[in-house]
């Protein structure tokens, strides 16, 4: 129903159904996980992106919706300064259990994946090709380790080669999957700057590590900080503070009876925050089944009542 004769004829002529069957066999043979946009466990952060992929393919052992995700991106021509800072930042974040996402490329990307493995953090590579190959192939041994605590994700069918136009598409998934993006080293143009701009368009936090003036691969980071597109990242504690990932002592549960004038929607928000602690507004909206616009209005009213407080990183918590 709804398929015209001409469209049906075109589908048959292009052997689309045969290709779909071939892909289905590849998925089953290689234990590939799939997440369709309407699936309950499709990455919820991506659902708030207008250009999110309809279908994702993944391999490995990871949670599609972990509590904290940080993408780390940077130039392929990274320096010792960049490598050192990646390890410092990842080590400083290990107590949070944050997932580290990057693109498996040379330079900062592969350093981020390896730093995560070293510190026992889950790490996911988002690649610009099908899962029947790996680019660059030299990173295959690292990917094998990642499959045990993390894995690899793509929107591309098998037999898709890592063509140039696929990388910007891949970058939007890196940005959309993450709560925040950290740019370590970058020129004023390139994939890392594209990822940062996309993250900003999704209303996600961006951080940049400052570099020496005059150094080619410090220009991008310094530019992001100077134009206030990125938070200054002097150390992991800056990310912990802005994202509200600092370890806190457990507070006693607040009794709902203290607040006599809660609407039905405010009660839903109260219960969710009381159960989970501080939450990002998009995750809170998803959990209670309200649009972000309505959740935002209710949170504002609850702020006026002195019940909730707004935190950095678009987070909210009970007072």
C-alpha atoms as a PDB file:
ATOM      1  CA  UNK A   1       0.000   0.000   0.000  1.00  0.00           C
ATOM      2  CA  UNK A   2       1.222   3.452  -0.897  1.00  0.00           C
ATOM      3  CA  UNK A   3       3.890   2.166  -3.305  1.00  0.00           C
ATOM      4  CA  UNK A   4       3.193   3.301  -6.846  1.00  0.00           C
ATOM      5  CA  UNK A   5       3.644   1.066  -9.865  1.00  0.00           C
ATOM      6  CA  UNK A   6       6.586   3.151 -11.088  1.00  0.00           C
ATOM      7  CA  UNK A   7       8.331   3.007  -7.700  1.00  0.00           C
ATOM      8  CA  UNK A   8       7.790  -0.748  -7.449  1.00  0.00           C
ATOM      9  CA  UNK A   9       9.206  -1.159 -10.940  1.00  0.00           C
ATOM     10  CA  UNK A  10      12.248   0.942  -9.970  1.00  0.00           C
ATOM     11  CA  UNK A  11      12.851  -1.151  -6.833  1.00  0.00           C
ATOM     12  CA  UNK A  12      12.809  -4.362  -8.842  1.00  0.00           C
ATOM     13  CA  UNK A  13      15.002  -2.923 -11.586  1.00  0.00           C
ATOM     14  CA  UNK A  14      17.681  -1.800  -9.091  1.00  0.00           C
ATOM     15  CA  UNK A  15      17.685  -5.131  -7.225  1.00  0.00           C
ATOM     16  CA  UNK A  16      17.123  -3.261  -3.965  1.00  0.00           C
ATOM     17  CA  UNK A  17      15.464  -6.242  -2.289  1.00  0.00           C
ATOM     18  CA  UNK A  18      18.351  -8.520  -3.234  1.00  0.00           C
ATOM     19  CA  UNK A  19      20.794  -6.027  -1.757  1.00  0.00           C
ATOM     20  CA  UNK A  20      18.714  -5.844   1.426  1.00  0.00           C
ATOM     21  CA  UNK A  21      18.736  -9.639   1.731  1.00  0.00           C
ATOM     22  CA  UNK A  22      22.505  -9.672   1.211  1.00  0.00           C
ATOM     23  CA  UNK A  23      22.956  -7.088   3.984  1.00  0.00           C
ATOM     24  CA  UNK A  24      20.672  -9.042   6.294  1.00  0.00           C
ATOM     25  CA  UNK A  25      22.827 -12.154   5.808  1.00  0.00           C
ATOM     26  CA  UNK A  26      25.992 -10.128   6.504  1.00  0.00           C
ATOM     27  CA  UNK A  27      24.454  -8.774   9.732  1.00  0.00           C
ATOM     28  CA  UNK A  28      23.520 -12.233  11.003  1.00  0.00           C
ATOM     29  CA  UNK A  29      26.815 -13.847  10.017  1.00  0.00           C
ATOM     30  CA  UNK A  30      28.938 -11.189  11.763  1.00  0.00           C
ATOM     31  CA  UNK A  31      26.774 -10.614  14.863  1.00  0.00           C
ATOM     32  CA  UNK A  32      26.087  -7.004  13.916  1.00  0.00           C
ATOM     33  CA  UNK A  33      23.667  -5.060  16.123  1.00  0.00           C
ATOM     34  CA  UNK A  34      21.152  -2.760  14.432  1.00  0.00           C
ATOM     35  CA  UNK A  35      19.245   0.195  15.831  1.00  0.00           C
ATOM     36  CA  UNK A  36      16.376   1.646  13.814  1.00  0.00           C
ATOM     37  CA  UNK A  37      15.218   5.201  14.571  1.00  0.00           C
ATOM     38  CA  UNK A  38      11.925   3.993  16.074  1.00  0.00           C
ATOM     39  CA  UNK A  39      13.522   1.327  18.295  1.00  0.00           C
ATOM     40  CA  UNK A  40      13.226   1.960  22.028  1.00  0.00           C
ATOM     41  CA  UNK A  41      16.989   1.614  22.524  1.00  0.00           C
ATOM     42  CA  UNK A  42      18.048   3.755  19.571  1.00  0.00           C
ATOM     43  CA  UNK A  43      20.590   6.318  20.930  1.00  0.00           C
ATOM     44  CA  UNK A  44      18.306   8.867  22.585  1.00  0.00           C
ATOM     45  CA  UNK A  45      20.780  11.734  22.174  1.00  0.00           C
ATOM     46  CA  UNK A  46      20.600  11.310  18.399  1.00  0.00           C
ATOM     47  CA  UNK A  47      16.804  11.486  18.447  1.00  0.00           C
ATOM     48  CA  UNK A  48      17.105  15.202  19.177  1.00  0.00           C
ATOM     49  CA  UNK A  49      19.170  15.799  16.022  1.00  0.00           C
ATOM     50  CA  UNK A  50      17.243  16.757  12.892  1.00  0.00           C
ATOM     51  CA  UNK A  51      19.603  14.808  10.626  1.00  0.00           C
ATOM     52  CA  UNK A  52      20.026  11.700  12.762  1.00  0.00           C
ATOM     53  CA  UNK A  53      20.616   8.441  10.850  1.00  0.00           C
ATOM     54  CA  UNK A  54      17.596   6.241  10.210  1.00  0.00           C
ATOM     55  CA  UNK A  55      19.535   3.051  10.864  1.00  0.00           C
ATOM     56  CA  UNK A  56      22.761   2.315  12.750  1.00  0.00           C
ATOM     57  CA  UNK A  57      24.974  -0.757  12.678  1.00  0.00           C
ATOM     58  CA  UNK A  58      27.180  -1.633  15.632  1.00  0.00           C
ATOM     59  CA  UNK A  59      29.562  -4.300  16.809  1.00  0.00           C
ATOM     60  CA  UNK A  60      31.033  -4.850  20.258  1.00  0.00           C
ATOM     61  CA  UNK A  61      29.961  -4.805  23.883  1.00  0.00           C
ATOM     62  CA  UNK A  62      28.540  -1.416  24.817  1.00  0.00           C
ATOM     63  CA  UNK A  63      25.471   0.449  26.029  1.00  0.00           C
ATOM     64  CA  UNK A  64      23.719   2.415  23.286  1.00  0.00           C
ATOM     65  CA  UNK A  65      22.474   4.877  25.925  1.00  0.00           C
ATOM     66  CA  UNK A  66      25.090   5.298  28.659  1.00  0.00           C
ATOM     67  CA  UNK A  67      24.758   8.076  31.242  1.00  0.00           C
ATOM     68  CA  UNK A  68      27.806  10.066  30.112  1.00  0.00           C
ATOM     69  CA  UNK A  69      29.478  10.336  26.689  1.00  0.00           C
ATOM     70  CA  UNK A  70      32.381  12.564  25.684  1.00  0.00           C
ATOM     71  CA  UNK A  71      33.707  12.749  22.134  1.00  0.00           C
ATOM     72  CA  UNK A  72      37.390  13.579  21.711  1.00  0.00           C
ATOM     73  CA  UNK A  73      38.490  14.845  18.303  1.00  0.00           C
ATOM     74  CA  UNK A  74      41.516  16.473  16.754  1.00  0.00           C
ATOM     75  CA  UNK A  75      43.968  16.543  13.902  1.00  0.00           C
ATOM     76  CA  UNK A  76      45.496  13.483  12.275  1.00  0.00           C
ATOM     77  CA  UNK A  77      48.850  15.315  12.445  1.00  0.00           C
ATOM     78  CA  UNK A  78      48.883  15.435  16.225  1.00  0.00           C
ATOM     79  CA  UNK A  79      51.919  16.300  18.328  1.00  0.00           C
ATOM     80  CA  UNK A  80      53.291  15.037  21.632  1.00  0.00           C
ATOM     81  CA  UNK A  81      51.475  17.960  23.292  1.00  0.00           C
ATOM     82  CA  UNK A  82      48.150  16.645  22.008  1.00  0.00           C
ATOM     83  CA  UNK A  83      48.884  13.020  22.934  1.00  0.00           C
ATOM     84  CA  UNK A  84      49.935  13.998  26.452  1.00  0.00           C
ATOM     85  CA  UNK A  85      46.784  16.036  27.039  1.00  0.00           C
ATOM     86  CA  UNK A  86      44.478  13.298  25.754  1.00  0.00           C
ATOM     87  CA  UNK A  87      45.927  10.914  28.347  1.00  0.00           C
ATOM     88  CA  UNK A  88      45.740  13.554  31.107  1.00  0.00           C
ATOM     89  CA  UNK A  89      42.089  14.330  30.392  1.00  0.00           C
ATOM     90  CA  UNK A  90      40.938  10.730  29.982  1.00  0.00           C
ATOM     91  CA  UNK A  91      42.764   9.684  33.151  1.00  0.00           C
ATOM     92  CA  UNK A  92      41.152  12.586  35.016  1.00  0.00           C
ATOM     93  CA  UNK A  93      37.680  11.493  33.890  1.00  0.00           C
ATOM     94  CA  UNK A  94      37.959   7.763  34.555  1.00  0.00           C
ATOM     95  CA  UNK A  95      36.092   7.905  37.878  1.00  0.00           C
ATOM     96  CA  UNK A  96      32.980   9.121  36.041  1.00  0.00           C
ATOM     97  CA  UNK A  97      32.734   5.990  33.879  1.00  0.00           C
ATOM     98  CA  UNK A  98      32.248   8.224  30.834  1.00  0.00           C
ATOM     99  CA  UNK A  99      32.165   6.645  27.371  1.00  0.00           C
ATOM    100  CA  UNK A 100      34.860   8.022  25.047  1.00  0.00           C
ATOM    101  CA  UNK A 101      33.779   8.413  21.407  1.00  0.00           C
ATOM    102  CA  UNK A 102      36.032   9.229  18.464  1.00  0.00           C
ATOM    103  CA  UNK A 103      36.548   8.409  14.814  1.00  0.00           C
ATOM    104  CA  UNK A 104      39.352   5.792  14.749  1.00  0.00           C
ATOM    105  CA  UNK A 105      41.522   8.053  12.551  1.00  0.00           C
ATOM    106  CA  UNK A 106      45.243   8.673  12.906  1.00  0.00           C
ATOM    107  CA  UNK A 107      46.404  11.186  15.497  1.00  0.00           C
ATOM    108  CA  UNK A 108      44.101  12.389  18.261  1.00  0.00           C
ATOM    109  CA  UNK A 109      41.294   9.910  17.476  1.00  0.00           C
ATOM    110  CA  UNK A 110      43.290   6.726  17.956  1.00  0.00           C
ATOM    111  CA  UNK A 111      45.073   8.250  20.954  1.00  0.00           C
ATOM    112  CA  UNK A 112      41.672   8.875  22.591  1.00  0.00           C
ATOM    113  CA  UNK A 113      40.582   5.263  22.029  1.00  0.00           C
ATOM    114  CA  UNK A 114      43.860   3.904  23.417  1.00  0.00           C
ATOM    115  CA  UNK A 115      43.765   6.242  26.426  1.00  0.00           C
ATOM    116  CA  UNK A 116      40.246   5.008  27.214  1.00  0.00           C
ATOM    117  CA  UNK A 117      41.375   1.383  27.016  1.00  0.00           C
ATOM    118  CA  UNK A 118      44.347   2.139  29.267  1.00  0.00           C
ATOM    119  CA  UNK A 119      42.051   3.697  31.885  1.00  0.00           C
ATOM    120  CA  UNK A 120      39.356   1.027  31.692  1.00  0.00           C
ATOM    121  CA  UNK A 121      36.766   3.285  30.091  1.00  0.00           C
ATOM    122  CA  UNK A 122      34.381   2.077  27.357  1.00  0.00           C
ATOM    123  CA  UNK A 123      35.224   3.563  23.968  1.00  0.00           C
ATOM    124  CA  UNK A 124      33.301   3.630  20.682  1.00  0.00           C
ATOM    125  CA  UNK A 125      34.592   4.376  17.198  1.00  0.00           C
ATOM    126  CA  UNK A 126      32.214   5.941  14.683  1.00  0.00           C
ATOM    127  CA  UNK A 127      33.499   5.053  11.219  1.00  0.00           C
ATOM    128  CA  UNK A 128      32.842   6.343   7.702  1.00  0.00           C
ATOM    129  CA  UNK A 129      32.459   2.979   5.986  1.00  0.00           C
ATOM    130  CA  UNK A 130      30.757  -0.403   6.315  1.00  0.00           C
ATOM    131  CA  UNK A 131      31.619  -2.908   9.037  1.00  0.00           C
ATOM    132  CA  UNK A 132      33.197  -5.345   6.597  1.00  0.00           C
ATOM    133  CA  UNK A 133      36.439  -3.322   6.740  1.00  0.00           C
ATOM    134  CA  UNK A 134      38.397  -0.899   8.904  1.00  0.00           C
ATOM    135  CA  UNK A 135      40.057   2.334   7.887  1.00  0.00           C
ATOM    136  CA  UNK A 136      42.879   2.743   8.590  1.00  0.00           C
ATOM    137  CA  UNK A 137      43.564  -0.994   8.712  1.00  0.00           C
ATOM    138  CA  UNK A 138      46.647  -0.478  10.879  1.00  0.00           C
ATOM    139  CA  UNK A 139      44.333   0.218  13.836  1.00  0.00           C
ATOM    140  CA  UNK A 140      42.738  -3.237  13.683  1.00  0.00           C
ATOM    141  CA  UNK A 141      44.516  -4.524  16.818  1.00  0.00           C
ATOM    142  CA  UNK A 142      43.171  -1.557  18.821  1.00  0.00           C
ATOM    143  CA  UNK A 143      39.636  -2.204  17.540  1.00  0.00           C
ATOM    144  CA  UNK A 144      39.879  -5.850  18.645  1.00  0.00           C
ATOM    145  CA  UNK A 145      40.512  -4.656  22.219  1.00  0.00           C
ATOM    146  CA  UNK A 146      37.734  -2.089  21.952  1.00  0.00           C
ATOM    147  CA  UNK A 147      35.177  -4.774  21.066  1.00  0.00           C
ATOM    148  CA  UNK A 148      35.546  -6.113  24.624  1.00  0.00           C
ATOM    149  CA  UNK A 149      34.690  -2.779  26.263  1.00  0.00           C
ATOM    150  CA  UNK A 150      33.077  -0.612  23.621  1.00  0.00           C
ATOM    151  CA  UNK A 151      32.990  -1.165  19.899  1.00  0.00           C
ATOM    152  CA  UNK A 152      32.298   0.410  16.544  1.00  0.00           C
ATOM    153  CA  UNK A 153      29.247   2.139  15.031  1.00  0.00           C
ATOM    154  CA  UNK A 154      28.363   3.211  11.486  1.00  0.00           C
ATOM    155  CA  UNK A 155      25.364   4.201   9.402  1.00  0.00           C
ATOM    156  CA  UNK A 156      26.908   2.756   6.232  1.00  0.00           C
ATOM    157  CA  UNK A 157      26.101  -0.608   4.654  1.00  0.00           C
ATOM    158  CA  UNK A 158      28.776  -3.214   4.166  1.00  0.00           C
ATOM    159  CA  UNK A 159      30.853  -2.743   0.996  1.00  0.00           C
ATOM    160  CA  UNK A 160      30.774   1.045   1.562  1.00  0.00           C
ATOM    161  CA  UNK A 161      34.291   2.400   1.140  1.00  0.00           C
ATOM    162  CA  UNK A 162      35.669   5.307   3.231  1.00  0.00           C
ATOM    163  CA  UNK A 163      35.039   7.916   0.552  1.00  0.00           C
ATOM    164  CA  UNK A 164      35.809  11.550   1.311  1.00  0.00           C
ATOM    165  CA  UNK A 165      32.182  12.663   1.472  1.00  0.00           C
ATOM    166  CA  UNK A 166      31.413  10.066   4.168  1.00  0.00           C
ATOM    167  CA  UNK A 167      33.579  11.696   6.843  1.00  0.00           C
ATOM    168  CA  UNK A 168      31.462  14.836   7.433  1.00  0.00           C
ATOM    169  CA  UNK A 169      28.421  12.540   7.673  1.00  0.00           C
ATOM    170  CA  UNK A 170      30.286  10.442  10.222  1.00  0.00           C
ATOM    171  CA  UNK A 171      31.209  13.572  12.206  1.00  0.00           C
ATOM    172  CA  UNK A 172      27.562  14.475  12.836  1.00  0.00           C
ATOM    173  CA  UNK A 173      27.074  11.094  14.539  1.00  0.00           C
ATOM    174  CA  UNK A 174      30.139  11.651  16.748  1.00  0.00           C
ATOM    175  CA  UNK A 175      28.716  15.038  17.786  1.00  0.00           C
ATOM    176  CA  UNK A 176      25.138  13.807  18.171  1.00  0.00           C
ATOM    177  CA  UNK A 177      26.003  10.744  20.249  1.00  0.00           C
ATOM    178  CA  UNK A 178      27.844  12.822  22.841  1.00  0.00           C
ATOM    179  CA  UNK A 179      26.959  15.087  25.735  1.00  0.00           C
ATOM    180  CA  UNK A 180      30.043  17.164  24.937  1.00  0.00           C
ATOM    181  CA  UNK A 181      32.923  17.346  22.453  1.00  0.00           C
ATOM    182  CA  UNK A 182      36.561  18.017  23.383  1.00  0.00           C
ATOM    183  CA  UNK A 183      38.790  19.421  20.617  1.00  0.00           C
ATOM    184  CA  UNK A 184      42.427  18.695  21.478  1.00  0.00           C
ATOM    185  CA  UNK A 185      44.463  19.938  18.493  1.00  0.00           C
ATOM    186  CA  UNK A 186      43.122  21.365  15.242  1.00  0.00           C
ATOM    187  CA  UNK A 187      43.826  23.793  12.474  1.00  0.00           C
ATOM    188  CA  UNK A 188      41.204  26.450  11.689  1.00  0.00           C
ATOM    189  CA  UNK A 189      39.714  24.124   9.070  1.00  0.00           C
ATOM    190  CA  UNK A 190      39.167  20.401   9.087  1.00  0.00           C
ATOM    191  CA  UNK A 191      37.022  17.592  10.427  1.00  0.00           C
ATOM    192  CA  UNK A 192      37.427  18.527  14.083  1.00  0.00           C
ATOM    193  CA  UNK A 193      36.126  22.038  13.487  1.00  0.00           C
ATOM    194  CA  UNK A 194      33.189  20.599  11.534  1.00  0.00           C
ATOM    195  CA  UNK A 195      32.407  18.289  14.454  1.00  0.00           C
ATOM    196  CA  UNK A 196      32.581  21.206  16.904  1.00  0.00           C
ATOM    197  CA  UNK A 197      30.209  23.306  14.774  1.00  0.00           C
ATOM    198  CA  UNK A 198      27.757  20.411  14.478  1.00  0.00           C
ATOM    199  CA  UNK A 199      27.870  19.828  18.236  1.00  0.00           C
ATOM    200  CA  UNK A 200      27.047  23.505  18.787  1.00  0.00           C
ATOM    201  CA  UNK A 201      24.138  23.255  16.348  1.00  0.00           C
ATOM    202  CA  UNK A 202      22.800  20.396  18.495  1.00  0.00           C
ATOM    203  CA  UNK A 203      23.112  22.601  21.615  1.00  0.00           C
ATOM    204  CA  UNK A 204      25.842  20.358  23.042  1.00  0.00           C
ATOM    205  CA  UNK A 205      28.795  21.618  25.051  1.00  0.00           C
ATOM    206  CA  UNK A 206      32.145  22.048  23.309  1.00  0.00           C
ATOM    207  CA  UNK A 207      35.546  22.226  25.030  1.00  0.00           C
ATOM    208  CA  UNK A 208      38.931  23.092  23.550  1.00  0.00           C
ATOM    209  CA  UNK A 209      42.441  22.718  24.926  1.00  0.00           C
ATOM    210  CA  UNK A 210      44.438  25.910  24.312  1.00  0.00           C
ATOM    211  CA  UNK A 211      47.735  25.716  22.452  1.00  0.00           C
ATOM    212  CA  UNK A 212      50.803  27.783  21.679  1.00  0.00           C
ATOM    213  CA  UNK A 213      50.228  30.921  19.637  1.00  0.00           C
ATOM    214  CA  UNK A 214      51.511  30.531  16.109  1.00  0.00           C
ATOM    215  CA  UNK A 215      51.335  26.728  16.104  1.00  0.00           C
ATOM    216  CA  UNK A 216      49.304  25.431  13.158  1.00  0.00           C
ATOM    217  CA  UNK A 217      47.339  22.849  15.103  1.00  0.00           C
ATOM    218  CA  UNK A 218      46.594  25.217  17.981  1.00  0.00           C
ATOM    219  CA  UNK A 219      44.835  27.736  15.737  1.00  0.00           C
ATOM    220  CA  UNK A 220      41.501  25.915  15.693  1.00  0.00           C
ATOM    221  CA  UNK A 221      41.317  25.387  19.457  1.00  0.00           C
ATOM    222  CA  UNK A 222      42.397  28.948  20.236  1.00  0.00           C
ATOM    223  CA  UNK A 223      39.844  30.255  17.733  1.00  0.00           C
ATOM    224  CA  UNK A 224      37.001  28.270  19.340  1.00  0.00           C
ATOM    225  CA  UNK A 225      37.921  29.615  22.774  1.00  0.00           C
ATOM    226  CA  UNK A 226      38.421  33.203  21.536  1.00  0.00           C
ATOM    227  CA  UNK A 227      35.039  33.266  19.792  1.00  0.00           C
ATOM    228  CA  UNK A 228      33.377  31.693  22.855  1.00  0.00           C
ATOM    229  CA  UNK A 229      32.238  28.704  20.849  1.00  0.00           C
ATOM    230  CA  UNK A 230      34.117  26.405  23.222  1.00  0.00           C
ATOM    231  CA  UNK A 231      34.723  26.265  26.950  1.00  0.00           C
ATOM    232  CA  UNK A 232      38.361  26.634  27.954  1.00  0.00           C
ATOM    233  CA  UNK A 233      39.645  23.206  28.988  1.00  0.00           C
ATOM    234  CA  UNK A 234      42.729  23.657  31.167  1.00  0.00           C
ATOM    235  CA  UNK A 235      42.322  20.229  32.710  1.00  0.00           C
ATOM    236  CA  UNK A 236      39.743  17.477  33.246  1.00  0.00           C
ATOM    237  CA  UNK A 237      38.321  19.359  36.237  1.00  0.00           C
ATOM    238  CA  UNK A 238      36.968  22.024  33.850  1.00  0.00           C
ATOM    239  CA  UNK A 239      34.897  19.391  32.054  1.00  0.00           C
ATOM    240  CA  UNK A 240      33.802  17.819  35.338  1.00  0.00           C
ATOM    241  CA  UNK A 241      32.567  21.166  36.617  1.00  0.00           C
ATOM    242  CA  UNK A 242      30.764  22.394  33.497  1.00  0.00           C
ATOM    243  CA  UNK A 243      29.142  19.010  32.844  1.00  0.00           C
ATOM    244  CA  UNK A 244      28.264  18.569  36.521  1.00  0.00           C
ATOM    245  CA  UNK A 245      30.111  15.233  36.599  1.00  0.00           C
ATOM    246  CA  UNK A 246      31.782  15.962  39.933  1.00  0.00           C
ATOM    247  CA  UNK A 247      31.378  13.192  42.491  1.00  0.00           C
ATOM    248  CA  UNK A 248      28.880  14.188  45.155  1.00  0.00           C
ATOM    249  CA  UNK A 249      27.889  12.756  48.498  1.00  0.00           C
ATOM    250  CA  UNK A 250      24.510  11.118  48.370  1.00  0.00           C
ATOM    251  CA  UNK A 251      21.732  13.383  49.568  1.00  0.00           C
ATOM    252  CA  UNK A 252      18.724  12.202  51.483  1.00  0.00           C
ATOM    253  CA  UNK A 253      15.602  11.768  49.398  1.00  0.00           C
ATOM    254  CA  UNK A 254      13.369  14.851  49.466  1.00  0.00           C
ATOM    255  CA  UNK A 255       9.805  14.182  50.478  1.00  0.00           C
ATOM    256  CA  UNK A 256       7.160  15.127  47.923  1.00  0.00           C
ATOM    257  CA  UNK A 257       4.823  16.126  50.739  1.00  0.00           C
ATOM    258  CA  UNK A 258       6.963  19.232  51.276  1.00  0.00           C
ATOM    259  CA  UNK A 259       5.588  20.657  48.026  1.00  0.00           C
ATOM    260  CA  UNK A 260       1.846  20.922  48.099  1.00  0.00           C
ATOM    261  CA  UNK A 261       1.261  22.570  44.723  1.00  0.00           C
ATOM    262  CA  UNK A 262       2.757  20.344  42.055  1.00  0.00           C
ATOM    263  CA  UNK A 263       0.960  19.810  38.761  1.00  0.00           C
ATOM    264  CA  UNK A 264       0.802  16.340  37.250  1.00  0.00           C
ATOM    265  CA  UNK A 265       3.703  17.090  34.887  1.00  0.00           C
ATOM    266  CA  UNK A 266       5.750  18.700  37.667  1.00  0.00           C
ATOM    267  CA  UNK A 267       5.192  15.576  39.774  1.00  0.00           C
ATOM    268  CA  UNK A 268       6.597  13.429  36.963  1.00  0.00           C
ATOM    269  CA  UNK A 269       9.702  15.654  36.794  1.00  0.00           C
ATOM    270  CA  UNK A 270      10.067  15.652  40.580  1.00  0.00           C
ATOM    271  CA  UNK A 271       9.887  11.842  40.783  1.00  0.00           C
ATOM    272  CA  UNK A 272      12.438  11.380  37.979  1.00  0.00           C
ATOM    273  CA  UNK A 273      14.943  13.823  39.477  1.00  0.00           C
ATOM    274  CA  UNK A 274      14.416  12.391  42.954  1.00  0.00           C
ATOM    275  CA  UNK A 275      15.174   8.918  41.600  1.00  0.00           C
ATOM    276  CA  UNK A 276      18.142   9.719  39.355  1.00  0.00           C
ATOM    277  CA  UNK A 277      19.687  12.921  40.719  1.00  0.00           C
ATOM    278  CA  UNK A 278      20.887  15.580  38.268  1.00  0.00           C
ATOM    279  CA  UNK A 279      19.751  14.951  34.687  1.00  0.00           C
ATOM    280  CA  UNK A 280      20.132  16.532  31.266  1.00  0.00           C
ATOM    281  CA  UNK A 281      16.898  18.046  30.004  1.00  0.00           C
ATOM    282  CA  UNK A 282      16.783  15.836  26.887  1.00  0.00           C
ATOM    283  CA  UNK A 283      17.156  12.631  28.926  1.00  0.00           C
ATOM    284  CA  UNK A 284      14.613  13.872  31.468  1.00  0.00           C
ATOM    285  CA  UNK A 285      12.125  14.659  28.670  1.00  0.00           C
ATOM    286  CA  UNK A 286      12.606  11.220  27.150  1.00  0.00           C
ATOM    287  CA  UNK A 287      12.114   9.425  30.480  1.00  0.00           C
ATOM    288  CA  UNK A 288       8.870  11.206  31.380  1.00  0.00           C
ATOM    289  CA  UNK A 289       7.488  11.228  27.834  1.00  0.00           C
ATOM    290  CA  UNK A 290       7.133  14.991  27.406  1.00  0.00           C
ATOM    291  CA  UNK A 291       8.469  17.239  24.611  1.00  0.00           C
ATOM    292  CA  UNK A 292      11.501  19.297  25.596  1.00  0.00           C
ATOM    293  CA  UNK A 293       9.476  22.498  25.204  1.00  0.00           C
ATOM    294  CA  UNK A 294       6.937  21.401  27.849  1.00  0.00           C
ATOM    295  CA  UNK A 295       9.636  20.023  30.136  1.00  0.00           C
ATOM    296  CA  UNK A 296      11.487  23.332  29.894  1.00  0.00           C
ATOM    297  CA  UNK A 297       8.387  25.338  30.879  1.00  0.00           C
ATOM    298  CA  UNK A 298       7.702  23.051  33.836  1.00  0.00           C
ATOM    299  CA  UNK A 299      11.317  23.220  35.001  1.00  0.00           C
ATOM    300  CA  UNK A 300      11.168  27.029  34.882  1.00  0.00           C
ATOM    301  CA  UNK A 301       8.027  27.037  37.030  1.00  0.00           C
ATOM    302  CA  UNK A 302       9.662  24.628  39.475  1.00  0.00           C
ATOM    303  CA  UNK A 303      12.715  26.903  39.642  1.00  0.00           C
ATOM    304  CA  UNK A 304      10.426  29.791  40.633  1.00  0.00           C
ATOM    305  CA  UNK A 305       8.957  27.571  43.348  1.00  0.00           C
ATOM    306  CA  UNK A 306      12.456  26.786  44.608  1.00  0.00           C
ATOM    307  CA  UNK A 307      12.135  23.051  43.908  1.00  0.00           C
ATOM    308  CA  UNK A 308      14.786  22.583  41.193  1.00  0.00           C
ATOM    309  CA  UNK A 309      17.927  24.399  40.148  1.00  0.00           C
ATOM    310  CA  UNK A 310      19.568  24.715  36.748  1.00  0.00           C
ATOM    311  CA  UNK A 311      23.141  23.421  36.559  1.00  0.00           C
ATOM    312  CA  UNK A 312      25.892  23.840  33.951  1.00  0.00           C
ATOM    313  CA  UNK A 313      25.685  21.604  30.898  1.00  0.00           C
ATOM    314  CA  UNK A 314      21.864  21.927  30.582  1.00  0.00           C
ATOM    315  CA  UNK A 315      21.414  19.775  33.684  1.00  0.00           C
ATOM    316  CA  UNK A 316      18.728  20.058  36.361  1.00  0.00           C
ATOM    317  CA  UNK A 317      18.565  18.785  39.936  1.00  0.00           C
ATOM    318  CA  UNK A 318      16.319  19.058  42.971  1.00  0.00           C
ATOM    319  CA  UNK A 319      17.321  21.803  45.390  1.00  0.00           C
END
